[in-house]
Amino acid sequence: MTRSSAALWLLAVAGCASAPHQAAPAAPTASSSSGEAGAAPLGLPRDAAELNARVLTFLGRPASAAELTREHVERWILKLDAQRGDPQAFGAWGKLDGGWSYTLELRVEAQSGRKKLWLTYSGDDNASMGPVCAPDFEGFVKALSDAGYTYEKVYGEHNRFIAGSFVRGGAQLQVVPRGVSNEDAAHLCAHMLILEAP
C-alpha cells in the first residue's frame, strides 16, 4: 500500500467510523474468562491499559486477520452487542477515567464480506490522553512490529503525520495518533485503531 493510497483509505474508513451510528450498546457484564478456545466472552476492562493489552494480544496472534469475527473478538478483547437494524454490526461502549470513553465496533460489509474493527477513545478536545495512553503510540509501534507487522508512516496535507500503517498478510491496520495534551503534543497516544481484513 503506497502512502497516498493509505492516506485515502484511512480517510475513508475514519469517515465511516465517525459517522453517526445507533445509540451505544449496553455495557456487557463482567467476566473472568480468558481467551482460550471455548471460553466465554471477556467482560469489561478495568482501564484503557487492560483494553489496549487485550487488543495487542489479539493483533499479535498469527491468525488475527482470519479471526476477525464476533466470536474471536469477544474471546480475546470484549463482549459485543448486536446493533439494532444491522445484523452485521456489533459493538461495545464503556466509560474510563479522566472523562474518557471507548467504543469498540465490528462490521462486516454485506457485499464484499470484508471485516472492519474500530477502537476509538473519545473525550474532551482539551482533556489529557494520559488515562488512555498506555501504551503510548510508540508502544503500539513496537508491539505490532514485534508481531510481524510492516510499519509505515502515513502523511496528509502539508506533510502532516496522520497515522501509522501496519500490514501483515491480509490485515491492514491504521493507528491514528494524538498528542497526550496541548502542553505535550509531541508525545503521541493511540487515539483510534482501524483494522480491516478479508
N, C-alpha and C. Protein backbone atom coordinates (compact mmCIF):
# COMPACT_ATOMS: atom_id res chain seq x y z
N MET A 1 0.86 -1.20 0.00
CA MET A 1 0.00 0.00 0.00
C MET A 1 0.88 1.23 0.00
N THR A 2 0.73 2.12 -0.99
CA THR A 2 1.51 3.35 -1.06
C THR A 2 1.04 4.34 -0.01
N ARG A 3 1.83 5.37 0.22
CA ARG A 3 1.46 6.38 1.22
C ARG A 3 0.18 7.09 0.82
N SER A 4 0.07 7.43 -0.48
CA SER A 4 -1.12 8.17 -0.94
C SER A 4 -2.36 7.31 -0.83
N SER A 5 -2.26 6.03 -1.24
CA SER A 5 -3.44 5.16 -1.15
C SER A 5 -3.79 4.87 0.30
N ALA A 6 -2.77 4.75 1.15
CA ALA A 6 -3.03 4.52 2.57
C ALA A 6 -3.74 5.71 3.19
N ALA A 7 -3.34 6.92 2.78
CA ALA A 7 -3.99 8.11 3.31
C ALA A 7 -5.44 8.17 2.88
N LEU A 8 -5.71 7.84 1.61
CA LEU A 8 -7.09 7.85 1.13
C LEU A 8 -7.91 6.80 1.83
N TRP A 9 -7.31 5.61 2.02
CA TRP A 9 -8.02 4.53 2.70
C TRP A 9 -8.34 4.93 4.14
N LEU A 10 -7.37 5.56 4.81
CA LEU A 10 -7.59 5.99 6.19
C LEU A 10 -8.72 6.99 6.27
N LEU A 11 -8.74 7.97 5.37
CA LEU A 11 -9.79 8.97 5.40
C LEU A 11 -11.15 8.34 5.16
N ALA A 12 -11.21 7.33 4.30
CA ALA A 12 -12.49 6.68 4.01
C ALA A 12 -13.01 5.91 5.21
N VAL A 13 -12.13 5.08 5.81
CA VAL A 13 -12.62 4.28 6.93
C VAL A 13 -12.82 5.11 8.18
N ALA A 14 -11.99 6.15 8.36
CA ALA A 14 -12.19 7.02 9.52
C ALA A 14 -13.50 7.76 9.39
N GLY A 15 -13.86 8.13 8.17
CA GLY A 15 -15.15 8.78 7.96
C GLY A 15 -16.29 7.87 8.34
N CYS A 16 -16.16 6.57 8.01
CA CYS A 16 -17.19 5.61 8.41
C CYS A 16 -17.24 5.49 9.92
N ALA A 17 -16.06 5.50 10.54
CA ALA A 17 -16.02 5.33 12.00
C ALA A 17 -16.62 6.51 12.71
N SER A 18 -16.50 7.72 12.13
CA SER A 18 -17.01 8.91 12.80
C SER A 18 -18.43 9.23 12.40
N ALA A 19 -18.99 8.45 11.45
CA ALA A 19 -20.36 8.70 11.03
C ALA A 19 -21.33 8.35 12.14
N PRO A 20 -22.51 8.98 12.19
CA PRO A 20 -23.47 8.68 13.24
C PRO A 20 -23.89 7.22 13.20
N HIS A 21 -23.91 6.59 14.37
CA HIS A 21 -24.33 5.21 14.50
C HIS A 21 -25.56 5.16 15.39
N GLN A 22 -25.99 3.95 15.64
CA GLN A 22 -27.05 3.75 16.60
C GLN A 22 -26.55 4.12 17.99
N ALA A 23 -27.46 4.23 18.92
CA ALA A 23 -27.06 4.54 20.29
C ALA A 23 -26.08 3.50 20.78
N ALA A 24 -25.19 3.90 21.70
CA ALA A 24 -24.18 2.98 22.21
C ALA A 24 -24.84 1.76 22.81
N PRO A 25 -24.29 0.56 22.53
CA PRO A 25 -24.88 -0.65 23.07
C PRO A 25 -24.72 -0.73 24.57
N ALA A 26 -25.58 -1.50 25.19
CA ALA A 26 -25.50 -1.68 26.63
C ALA A 26 -24.18 -2.33 26.98
N ALA A 27 -23.60 -1.91 28.10
CA ALA A 27 -22.31 -2.46 28.52
C ALA A 27 -22.47 -3.93 28.88
N PRO A 28 -21.52 -4.77 28.45
CA PRO A 28 -21.61 -6.18 28.79
C PRO A 28 -21.30 -6.41 30.25
N THR A 29 -21.73 -7.53 30.77
CA THR A 29 -21.45 -7.87 32.16
C THR A 29 -20.03 -8.36 32.28
N ALA A 30 -19.47 -8.20 33.45
CA ALA A 30 -18.09 -8.60 33.68
C ALA A 30 -17.96 -10.10 33.61
N SER A 31 -16.76 -10.55 33.20
CA SER A 31 -16.49 -11.98 33.12
C SER A 31 -15.04 -12.21 33.44
N SER A 32 -14.72 -13.32 34.07
CA SER A 32 -13.35 -13.62 34.40
C SER A 32 -12.75 -14.60 33.42
N SER A 33 -13.44 -14.88 32.31
CA SER A 33 -12.98 -15.86 31.34
C SER A 33 -11.77 -15.35 30.58
N SER A 34 -10.95 -16.27 30.11
CA SER A 34 -9.77 -15.92 29.34
C SER A 34 -10.04 -16.13 27.87
N GLY A 35 -8.99 -15.94 27.04
CA GLY A 35 -9.14 -16.06 25.61
C GLY A 35 -8.93 -17.47 25.09
N GLU A 36 -9.02 -18.49 25.91
CA GLU A 36 -8.83 -19.84 25.44
C GLU A 36 -10.03 -20.29 24.63
N ALA A 37 -9.81 -21.32 23.80
CA ALA A 37 -10.86 -21.84 22.94
C ALA A 37 -12.05 -22.27 23.79
N GLY A 38 -13.23 -21.88 23.35
CA GLY A 38 -14.44 -22.27 24.06
C GLY A 38 -14.76 -21.40 25.25
N ALA A 39 -13.92 -20.41 25.53
CA ALA A 39 -14.15 -19.56 26.70
C ALA A 39 -15.29 -18.59 26.43
N ALA A 40 -15.92 -18.14 27.51
CA ALA A 40 -16.99 -17.14 27.39
C ALA A 40 -16.38 -15.80 27.02
N PRO A 41 -17.19 -14.88 26.49
CA PRO A 41 -16.67 -13.55 26.13
C PRO A 41 -16.03 -12.85 27.32
N LEU A 42 -14.99 -12.07 27.04
CA LEU A 42 -14.37 -11.29 28.10
C LEU A 42 -15.27 -10.15 28.52
N GLY A 43 -15.20 -9.81 29.79
CA GLY A 43 -16.03 -8.73 30.33
C GLY A 43 -15.33 -7.39 30.25
N LEU A 44 -15.83 -6.45 31.03
CA LEU A 44 -15.32 -5.08 30.98
C LEU A 44 -13.86 -4.99 31.43
N PRO A 45 -13.04 -4.21 30.72
CA PRO A 45 -11.67 -3.98 31.16
C PRO A 45 -11.65 -3.03 32.36
N ARG A 46 -10.64 -3.15 33.19
CA ARG A 46 -10.51 -2.25 34.34
C ARG A 46 -10.18 -0.83 33.90
N ASP A 47 -9.39 -0.73 32.84
CA ASP A 47 -8.94 0.57 32.36
C ASP A 47 -8.49 0.43 30.91
N ALA A 48 -8.03 1.55 30.32
CA ALA A 48 -7.59 1.52 28.93
C ALA A 48 -6.35 0.66 28.74
N ALA A 49 -5.49 0.61 29.76
CA ALA A 49 -4.28 -0.21 29.63
C ALA A 49 -4.65 -1.68 29.44
N GLU A 50 -5.65 -2.15 30.17
CA GLU A 50 -6.07 -3.54 30.01
C GLU A 50 -6.73 -3.75 28.65
N LEU A 51 -7.55 -2.81 28.21
CA LEU A 51 -8.20 -2.93 26.91
C LEU A 51 -7.16 -2.94 25.80
N ASN A 52 -6.19 -2.03 25.86
CA ASN A 52 -5.14 -1.99 24.85
C ASN A 52 -4.32 -3.28 24.85
N ALA A 53 -4.07 -3.83 26.03
CA ALA A 53 -3.31 -5.07 26.11
C ALA A 53 -4.07 -6.21 25.44
N ARG A 54 -5.39 -6.25 25.65
CA ARG A 54 -6.20 -7.28 25.00
C ARG A 54 -6.15 -7.14 23.48
N VAL A 55 -6.27 -5.90 23.01
CA VAL A 55 -6.25 -5.65 21.57
C VAL A 55 -4.91 -6.07 20.98
N LEU A 56 -3.82 -5.71 21.63
CA LEU A 56 -2.50 -6.07 21.12
C LEU A 56 -2.26 -7.57 21.16
N THR A 57 -2.80 -8.24 22.17
CA THR A 57 -2.69 -9.70 22.22
C THR A 57 -3.42 -10.32 21.04
N PHE A 58 -4.63 -9.82 20.76
CA PHE A 58 -5.40 -10.32 19.63
C PHE A 58 -4.66 -10.06 18.31
N LEU A 59 -4.16 -8.84 18.13
CA LEU A 59 -3.46 -8.49 16.90
C LEU A 59 -2.16 -9.26 16.74
N GLY A 60 -1.57 -9.67 17.84
CA GLY A 60 -0.32 -10.40 17.78
C GLY A 60 -0.48 -11.86 17.39
N ARG A 61 -1.71 -12.38 17.45
CA ARG A 61 -1.94 -13.77 17.09
C ARG A 61 -1.71 -13.96 15.58
N PRO A 62 -1.08 -15.07 15.19
CA PRO A 62 -0.78 -15.29 13.77
C PRO A 62 -2.02 -15.24 12.87
N ALA A 63 -3.17 -15.69 13.39
CA ALA A 63 -4.38 -15.77 12.57
C ALA A 63 -5.35 -14.64 12.85
N SER A 64 -4.85 -13.49 13.31
CA SER A 64 -5.76 -12.42 13.72
C SER A 64 -6.64 -11.93 12.58
N ALA A 65 -6.11 -11.93 11.34
CA ALA A 65 -6.92 -11.48 10.20
C ALA A 65 -8.08 -12.44 9.96
N ALA A 66 -7.79 -13.75 9.97
CA ALA A 66 -8.83 -14.75 9.75
C ALA A 66 -9.80 -14.80 10.93
N GLU A 67 -9.34 -14.39 12.09
CA GLU A 67 -10.15 -14.47 13.30
C GLU A 67 -10.93 -13.19 13.59
N LEU A 68 -11.02 -12.31 12.61
CA LEU A 68 -11.74 -11.07 12.82
C LEU A 68 -13.24 -11.34 12.71
N THR A 69 -13.77 -12.06 13.69
CA THR A 69 -15.18 -12.41 13.78
C THR A 69 -15.68 -12.03 15.16
N ARG A 70 -16.98 -11.99 15.33
CA ARG A 70 -17.54 -11.63 16.63
C ARG A 70 -17.06 -12.61 17.69
N GLU A 71 -17.06 -13.89 17.36
CA GLU A 71 -16.67 -14.90 18.35
C GLU A 71 -15.26 -14.67 18.86
N HIS A 72 -14.33 -14.44 17.95
CA HIS A 72 -12.94 -14.28 18.37
C HIS A 72 -12.68 -12.93 19.03
N VAL A 73 -13.33 -11.87 18.54
CA VAL A 73 -13.17 -10.57 19.19
C VAL A 73 -13.67 -10.65 20.63
N GLU A 74 -14.78 -11.32 20.84
CA GLU A 74 -15.32 -11.47 22.20
C GLU A 74 -14.40 -12.33 23.06
N ARG A 75 -13.78 -13.32 22.46
CA ARG A 75 -12.92 -14.23 23.21
C ARG A 75 -11.65 -13.56 23.67
N TRP A 76 -11.13 -12.63 22.84
CA TRP A 76 -9.83 -12.04 23.14
C TRP A 76 -9.89 -10.58 23.59
N ILE A 77 -10.97 -9.87 23.25
CA ILE A 77 -11.00 -8.43 23.58
C ILE A 77 -12.16 -8.08 24.50
N LEU A 78 -13.40 -8.23 24.03
CA LEU A 78 -14.53 -7.73 24.81
C LEU A 78 -15.84 -8.25 24.22
N LYS A 79 -16.81 -8.49 25.08
CA LYS A 79 -18.13 -8.90 24.63
C LYS A 79 -18.76 -7.79 23.79
N LEU A 80 -19.38 -8.18 22.68
CA LEU A 80 -20.02 -7.24 21.77
C LEU A 80 -21.52 -7.46 21.77
N ASP A 81 -22.27 -6.39 21.59
CA ASP A 81 -23.71 -6.46 21.47
C ASP A 81 -24.12 -6.20 20.03
N ALA A 82 -25.16 -6.88 19.57
CA ALA A 82 -25.67 -6.66 18.22
C ALA A 82 -26.26 -5.26 18.13
N GLN A 83 -26.03 -4.62 16.97
CA GLN A 83 -26.55 -3.28 16.74
C GLN A 83 -27.94 -3.37 16.11
N ARG A 84 -28.87 -2.59 16.60
CA ARG A 84 -30.23 -2.62 16.07
C ARG A 84 -30.24 -2.20 14.59
N GLY A 85 -30.95 -2.98 13.77
CA GLY A 85 -31.12 -2.63 12.38
C GLY A 85 -30.00 -3.09 11.46
N ASP A 86 -28.93 -3.68 12.00
CA ASP A 86 -27.83 -4.14 11.16
C ASP A 86 -27.30 -5.46 11.71
N PRO A 87 -27.65 -6.58 11.07
CA PRO A 87 -27.23 -7.88 11.59
C PRO A 87 -25.74 -8.14 11.46
N GLN A 88 -25.02 -7.28 10.73
CA GLN A 88 -23.59 -7.47 10.54
C GLN A 88 -22.77 -6.45 11.33
N ALA A 89 -23.38 -5.81 12.32
CA ALA A 89 -22.67 -4.81 13.13
C ALA A 89 -22.80 -5.15 14.60
N PHE A 90 -21.68 -5.06 15.31
CA PHE A 90 -21.64 -5.38 16.73
C PHE A 90 -20.75 -4.36 17.43
N GLY A 91 -21.07 -4.04 18.68
CA GLY A 91 -20.28 -3.02 19.34
C GLY A 91 -20.33 -3.09 20.85
N ALA A 92 -19.44 -2.34 21.46
CA ALA A 92 -19.38 -2.20 22.91
C ALA A 92 -18.92 -0.79 23.24
N TRP A 93 -19.34 -0.30 24.38
CA TRP A 93 -19.01 1.06 24.80
C TRP A 93 -18.84 1.07 26.31
N GLY A 94 -17.92 1.89 26.80
CA GLY A 94 -17.74 1.98 28.24
C GLY A 94 -17.02 3.25 28.63
N LYS A 95 -17.16 3.63 29.89
CA LYS A 95 -16.52 4.83 30.43
C LYS A 95 -15.17 4.47 31.04
N LEU A 96 -14.27 5.44 30.98
CA LEU A 96 -12.94 5.29 31.55
C LEU A 96 -12.62 6.50 32.42
N ASP A 97 -11.51 6.45 33.11
CA ASP A 97 -11.11 7.56 33.97
C ASP A 97 -10.79 8.80 33.15
N GLY A 98 -10.81 9.94 33.80
CA GLY A 98 -10.40 11.19 33.17
C GLY A 98 -11.38 11.74 32.17
N GLY A 99 -12.64 11.29 32.22
CA GLY A 99 -13.65 11.77 31.29
C GLY A 99 -13.59 11.11 29.92
N TRP A 100 -12.86 10.01 29.80
CA TRP A 100 -12.73 9.32 28.53
C TRP A 100 -13.69 8.14 28.44
N SER A 101 -13.97 7.72 27.21
CA SER A 101 -14.76 6.53 26.98
C SER A 101 -14.19 5.80 25.76
N TYR A 102 -14.56 4.54 25.61
CA TYR A 102 -14.09 3.78 24.45
C TYR A 102 -15.29 3.25 23.68
N THR A 103 -15.11 3.07 22.40
CA THR A 103 -16.08 2.41 21.54
C THR A 103 -15.34 1.34 20.74
N LEU A 104 -15.84 0.12 20.80
CA LEU A 104 -15.29 -0.98 20.02
C LEU A 104 -16.40 -1.45 19.08
N GLU A 105 -16.11 -1.48 17.79
CA GLU A 105 -17.15 -1.81 16.82
C GLU A 105 -16.60 -2.75 15.75
N LEU A 106 -17.37 -3.78 15.43
CA LEU A 106 -17.03 -4.74 14.39
C LEU A 106 -18.14 -4.71 13.35
N ARG A 107 -17.76 -4.56 12.08
CA ARG A 107 -18.73 -4.55 10.99
C ARG A 107 -18.27 -5.46 9.87
N VAL A 108 -19.22 -6.10 9.23
CA VAL A 108 -18.96 -6.94 8.06
C VAL A 108 -19.70 -6.35 6.89
N GLU A 109 -18.97 -6.01 5.81
CA GLU A 109 -19.60 -5.43 4.64
C GLU A 109 -20.43 -6.49 3.92
N ALA A 110 -21.68 -6.14 3.62
CA ALA A 110 -22.61 -7.11 3.06
C ALA A 110 -22.15 -7.66 1.72
N GLN A 111 -21.65 -6.80 0.85
CA GLN A 111 -21.29 -7.24 -0.50
C GLN A 111 -19.93 -7.90 -0.57
N SER A 112 -18.92 -7.27 -0.03
CA SER A 112 -17.56 -7.80 -0.14
C SER A 112 -17.23 -8.83 0.93
N GLY A 113 -17.93 -8.76 2.06
CA GLY A 113 -17.62 -9.65 3.16
C GLY A 113 -16.40 -9.22 3.96
N ARG A 114 -15.79 -8.09 3.60
CA ARG A 114 -14.63 -7.61 4.35
C ARG A 114 -15.05 -7.17 5.74
N LYS A 115 -14.15 -7.37 6.69
CA LYS A 115 -14.45 -7.09 8.09
C LYS A 115 -13.61 -5.91 8.57
N LYS A 116 -14.23 -5.05 9.37
CA LYS A 116 -13.55 -3.88 9.92
C LYS A 116 -13.80 -3.80 11.41
N LEU A 117 -12.74 -3.53 12.13
CA LEU A 117 -12.81 -3.38 13.58
C LEU A 117 -12.27 -2.01 13.95
N TRP A 118 -13.07 -1.25 14.71
CA TRP A 118 -12.64 0.07 15.19
C TRP A 118 -12.52 0.05 16.71
N LEU A 119 -11.47 0.66 17.21
CA LEU A 119 -11.37 1.00 18.63
C LEU A 119 -11.10 2.50 18.69
N THR A 120 -11.99 3.24 19.33
CA THR A 120 -11.86 4.69 19.40
C THR A 120 -11.96 5.15 20.85
N TYR A 121 -11.07 6.06 21.22
CA TYR A 121 -11.15 6.70 22.53
C TYR A 121 -11.71 8.11 22.34
N SER A 122 -12.74 8.44 23.08
CA SER A 122 -13.41 9.73 22.95
C SER A 122 -13.34 10.50 24.26
N GLY A 123 -13.10 11.79 24.14
CA GLY A 123 -13.04 12.66 25.32
C GLY A 123 -13.06 14.10 24.88
N ASP A 124 -13.03 14.99 25.84
CA ASP A 124 -13.00 16.41 25.54
C ASP A 124 -11.73 16.76 24.76
N ASP A 125 -11.87 17.69 23.82
CA ASP A 125 -10.73 18.06 22.97
C ASP A 125 -9.53 18.53 23.78
N ASN A 126 -9.77 19.12 24.93
CA ASN A 126 -8.68 19.66 25.74
C ASN A 126 -8.25 18.71 26.86
N ALA A 127 -8.88 17.55 26.95
CA ALA A 127 -8.55 16.62 28.02
C ALA A 127 -7.23 15.91 27.73
N SER A 128 -6.45 15.68 28.76
CA SER A 128 -5.21 14.92 28.62
C SER A 128 -5.54 13.47 28.29
N MET A 129 -4.79 12.89 27.35
CA MET A 129 -4.98 11.49 26.99
C MET A 129 -4.23 10.56 27.93
N GLY A 130 -3.64 11.11 28.98
CA GLY A 130 -2.90 10.29 29.92
C GLY A 130 -3.62 9.03 30.38
N PRO A 131 -4.92 9.12 30.75
CA PRO A 131 -5.62 7.93 31.24
C PRO A 131 -5.78 6.82 30.21
N VAL A 132 -5.63 7.13 28.91
CA VAL A 132 -5.81 6.10 27.88
C VAL A 132 -4.54 5.89 27.06
N CYS A 133 -3.42 6.40 27.56
CA CYS A 133 -2.16 6.39 26.79
C CYS A 133 -1.21 5.32 27.31
N ALA A 134 -1.70 4.12 27.51
CA ALA A 134 -0.86 3.02 27.99
C ALA A 134 -1.20 1.75 27.20
N PRO A 135 -0.31 1.33 26.29
CA PRO A 135 0.94 2.00 25.95
C PRO A 135 0.70 3.23 25.07
N ASP A 136 1.75 4.02 24.90
CA ASP A 136 1.62 5.18 24.02
C ASP A 136 1.78 4.73 22.56
N PHE A 137 1.80 5.67 21.64
CA PHE A 137 1.86 5.32 20.22
C PHE A 137 3.11 4.51 19.90
N GLU A 138 4.24 4.92 20.44
CA GLU A 138 5.48 4.19 20.17
C GLU A 138 5.41 2.78 20.74
N GLY A 139 4.68 2.62 21.84
CA GLY A 139 4.49 1.28 22.39
C GLY A 139 3.69 0.39 21.45
N PHE A 140 2.67 0.97 20.80
CA PHE A 140 1.91 0.24 19.80
C PHE A 140 2.82 -0.15 18.63
N VAL A 141 3.64 0.80 18.17
CA VAL A 141 4.54 0.54 17.05
C VAL A 141 5.46 -0.63 17.37
N LYS A 142 6.06 -0.63 18.56
CA LYS A 142 6.98 -1.70 18.94
C LYS A 142 6.26 -3.04 19.03
N ALA A 143 5.09 -3.06 19.70
CA ALA A 143 4.38 -4.32 19.88
C ALA A 143 3.94 -4.91 18.54
N LEU A 144 3.45 -4.07 17.65
CA LEU A 144 2.99 -4.55 16.35
C LEU A 144 4.16 -4.94 15.45
N SER A 145 5.25 -4.20 15.51
CA SER A 145 6.43 -4.56 14.73
C SER A 145 6.99 -5.89 15.21
N ASP A 146 7.02 -6.10 16.51
CA ASP A 146 7.49 -7.36 17.08
C ASP A 146 6.60 -8.53 16.66
N ALA A 147 5.31 -8.22 16.39
CA ALA A 147 4.36 -9.26 15.98
C ALA A 147 4.40 -9.53 14.48
N GLY A 148 5.29 -8.86 13.76
CA GLY A 148 5.47 -9.15 12.35
C GLY A 148 4.78 -8.20 11.40
N TYR A 149 4.23 -7.11 11.89
CA TYR A 149 3.60 -6.12 11.02
C TYR A 149 4.66 -5.21 10.41
N THR A 150 4.46 -4.85 9.15
CA THR A 150 5.32 -3.87 8.48
C THR A 150 4.75 -2.48 8.74
N TYR A 151 5.58 -1.60 9.25
CA TYR A 151 5.14 -0.27 9.68
C TYR A 151 5.57 0.80 8.69
N GLU A 152 4.64 1.70 8.39
CA GLU A 152 4.94 2.85 7.54
C GLU A 152 4.13 4.04 8.03
N LYS A 153 4.75 5.20 8.04
CA LYS A 153 4.05 6.41 8.44
C LYS A 153 3.19 6.93 7.28
N VAL A 154 2.01 7.43 7.60
CA VAL A 154 1.10 8.00 6.60
C VAL A 154 1.03 9.50 6.83
N TYR A 155 1.21 10.26 5.74
CA TYR A 155 1.21 11.71 5.84
C TYR A 155 0.03 12.29 5.06
N GLY A 156 -0.55 13.35 5.59
CA GLY A 156 -1.65 14.03 4.92
C GLY A 156 -1.20 15.35 4.33
N GLU A 157 -2.12 16.31 4.32
CA GLU A 157 -1.81 17.63 3.77
C GLU A 157 -0.68 18.30 4.55
N HIS A 158 0.11 19.07 3.82
CA HIS A 158 1.24 19.81 4.41
C HIS A 158 2.23 18.87 5.10
N ASN A 159 2.30 17.63 4.59
CA ASN A 159 3.25 16.64 5.11
C ASN A 159 3.06 16.38 6.61
N ARG A 160 1.79 16.41 7.03
CA ARG A 160 1.49 16.19 8.45
C ARG A 160 1.28 14.70 8.71
N PHE A 161 1.94 14.19 9.72
CA PHE A 161 1.82 12.78 10.10
C PHE A 161 0.42 12.53 10.65
N ILE A 162 -0.34 11.62 10.01
CA ILE A 162 -1.72 11.40 10.42
C ILE A 162 -2.00 10.00 10.93
N ALA A 163 -1.11 9.03 10.65
CA ALA A 163 -1.38 7.67 11.12
C ALA A 163 -0.17 6.79 10.91
N GLY A 164 -0.18 5.70 11.65
CA GLY A 164 0.77 4.64 11.41
C GLY A 164 0.05 3.52 10.66
N SER A 165 0.62 3.06 9.57
CA SER A 165 0.03 1.99 8.77
C SER A 165 0.80 0.70 9.05
N PHE A 166 0.07 -0.37 9.35
CA PHE A 166 0.67 -1.66 9.67
C PHE A 166 0.03 -2.73 8.78
N VAL A 167 0.85 -3.53 8.13
CA VAL A 167 0.35 -4.56 7.23
C VAL A 167 1.01 -5.89 7.59
N ARG A 168 0.16 -6.92 7.65
CA ARG A 168 0.68 -8.28 7.85
C ARG A 168 -0.31 -9.24 7.18
N GLY A 169 0.17 -9.96 6.17
CA GLY A 169 -0.73 -10.85 5.46
C GLY A 169 -1.87 -10.06 4.84
N GLY A 170 -3.09 -10.49 5.09
CA GLY A 170 -4.25 -9.79 4.54
C GLY A 170 -4.78 -8.69 5.44
N ALA A 171 -4.14 -8.47 6.58
CA ALA A 171 -4.63 -7.47 7.54
C ALA A 171 -4.01 -6.11 7.26
N GLN A 172 -4.85 -5.08 7.24
CA GLN A 172 -4.41 -3.69 7.11
C GLN A 172 -4.87 -2.95 8.35
N LEU A 173 -3.93 -2.36 9.05
CA LEU A 173 -4.22 -1.72 10.33
C LEU A 173 -3.72 -0.28 10.30
N GLN A 174 -4.56 0.64 10.78
CA GLN A 174 -4.17 2.02 10.93
C GLN A 174 -4.31 2.41 12.40
N VAL A 175 -3.29 3.05 12.94
CA VAL A 175 -3.35 3.58 14.30
C VAL A 175 -3.20 5.10 14.20
N VAL A 176 -4.25 5.81 14.59
CA VAL A 176 -4.28 7.26 14.46
C VAL A 176 -3.78 7.89 15.77
N PRO A 177 -2.75 8.73 15.71
CA PRO A 177 -2.18 9.31 16.93
C PRO A 177 -2.82 10.63 17.33
N ARG A 178 -2.61 10.98 18.57
CA ARG A 178 -2.98 12.30 19.08
C ARG A 178 -2.05 12.63 20.23
N GLY A 179 -1.65 13.88 20.32
CA GLY A 179 -0.77 14.28 21.41
C GLY A 179 -1.43 14.09 22.76
N VAL A 180 -0.64 13.73 23.75
CA VAL A 180 -1.20 13.42 25.06
C VAL A 180 -1.90 14.63 25.67
N SER A 181 -1.43 15.83 25.34
CA SER A 181 -2.06 17.05 25.84
C SER A 181 -1.58 18.23 25.00
N ASN A 182 -2.23 19.37 25.20
CA ASN A 182 -1.80 20.57 24.48
C ASN A 182 -0.38 20.96 24.87
N GLU A 183 -0.01 20.68 26.11
CA GLU A 183 1.32 21.04 26.60
C GLU A 183 2.37 20.03 26.15
N ASP A 184 1.95 18.82 25.80
CA ASP A 184 2.89 17.76 25.43
C ASP A 184 2.39 17.10 24.15
N ALA A 185 2.22 17.91 23.11
CA ALA A 185 1.66 17.41 21.84
C ALA A 185 2.61 16.47 21.12
N ALA A 186 3.90 16.53 21.43
CA ALA A 186 4.87 15.68 20.75
C ALA A 186 4.82 14.24 21.24
N HIS A 187 4.31 14.04 22.46
CA HIS A 187 4.18 12.68 22.99
C HIS A 187 2.86 12.12 22.50
N LEU A 188 2.92 11.15 21.59
CA LEU A 188 1.73 10.66 20.92
C LEU A 188 1.11 9.46 21.62
N CYS A 189 -0.23 9.44 21.60
CA CYS A 189 -1.01 8.32 22.11
C CYS A 189 -1.81 7.73 20.96
N ALA A 190 -2.31 6.52 21.14
CA ALA A 190 -3.17 5.88 20.14
C ALA A 190 -4.60 6.33 20.37
N HIS A 191 -5.11 7.17 19.47
CA HIS A 191 -6.44 7.74 19.60
C HIS A 191 -7.51 6.87 18.94
N MET A 192 -7.17 6.26 17.82
CA MET A 192 -8.10 5.40 17.09
C MET A 192 -7.32 4.29 16.41
N LEU A 193 -7.93 3.11 16.41
CA LEU A 193 -7.33 1.96 15.73
C LEU A 193 -8.37 1.40 14.77
N ILE A 194 -7.95 1.15 13.52
CA ILE A 194 -8.87 0.67 12.49
C ILE A 194 -8.22 -0.53 11.82
N LEU A 195 -8.84 -1.70 11.95
CA LEU A 195 -8.33 -2.93 11.36
C LEU A 195 -9.28 -3.40 10.28
N GLU A 196 -8.74 -3.75 9.12
CA GLU A 196 -9.56 -4.27 8.02
C GLU A 196 -8.92 -5.55 7.51
N ALA A 197 -9.75 -6.56 7.26
CA ALA A 197 -9.25 -7.85 6.79
C ALA A 197 -10.29 -8.50 5.88
N PRO A 198 -9.84 -9.41 4.99
CA PRO A 198 -10.76 -10.10 4.10
C PRO A 198 -11.79 -10.93 4.87
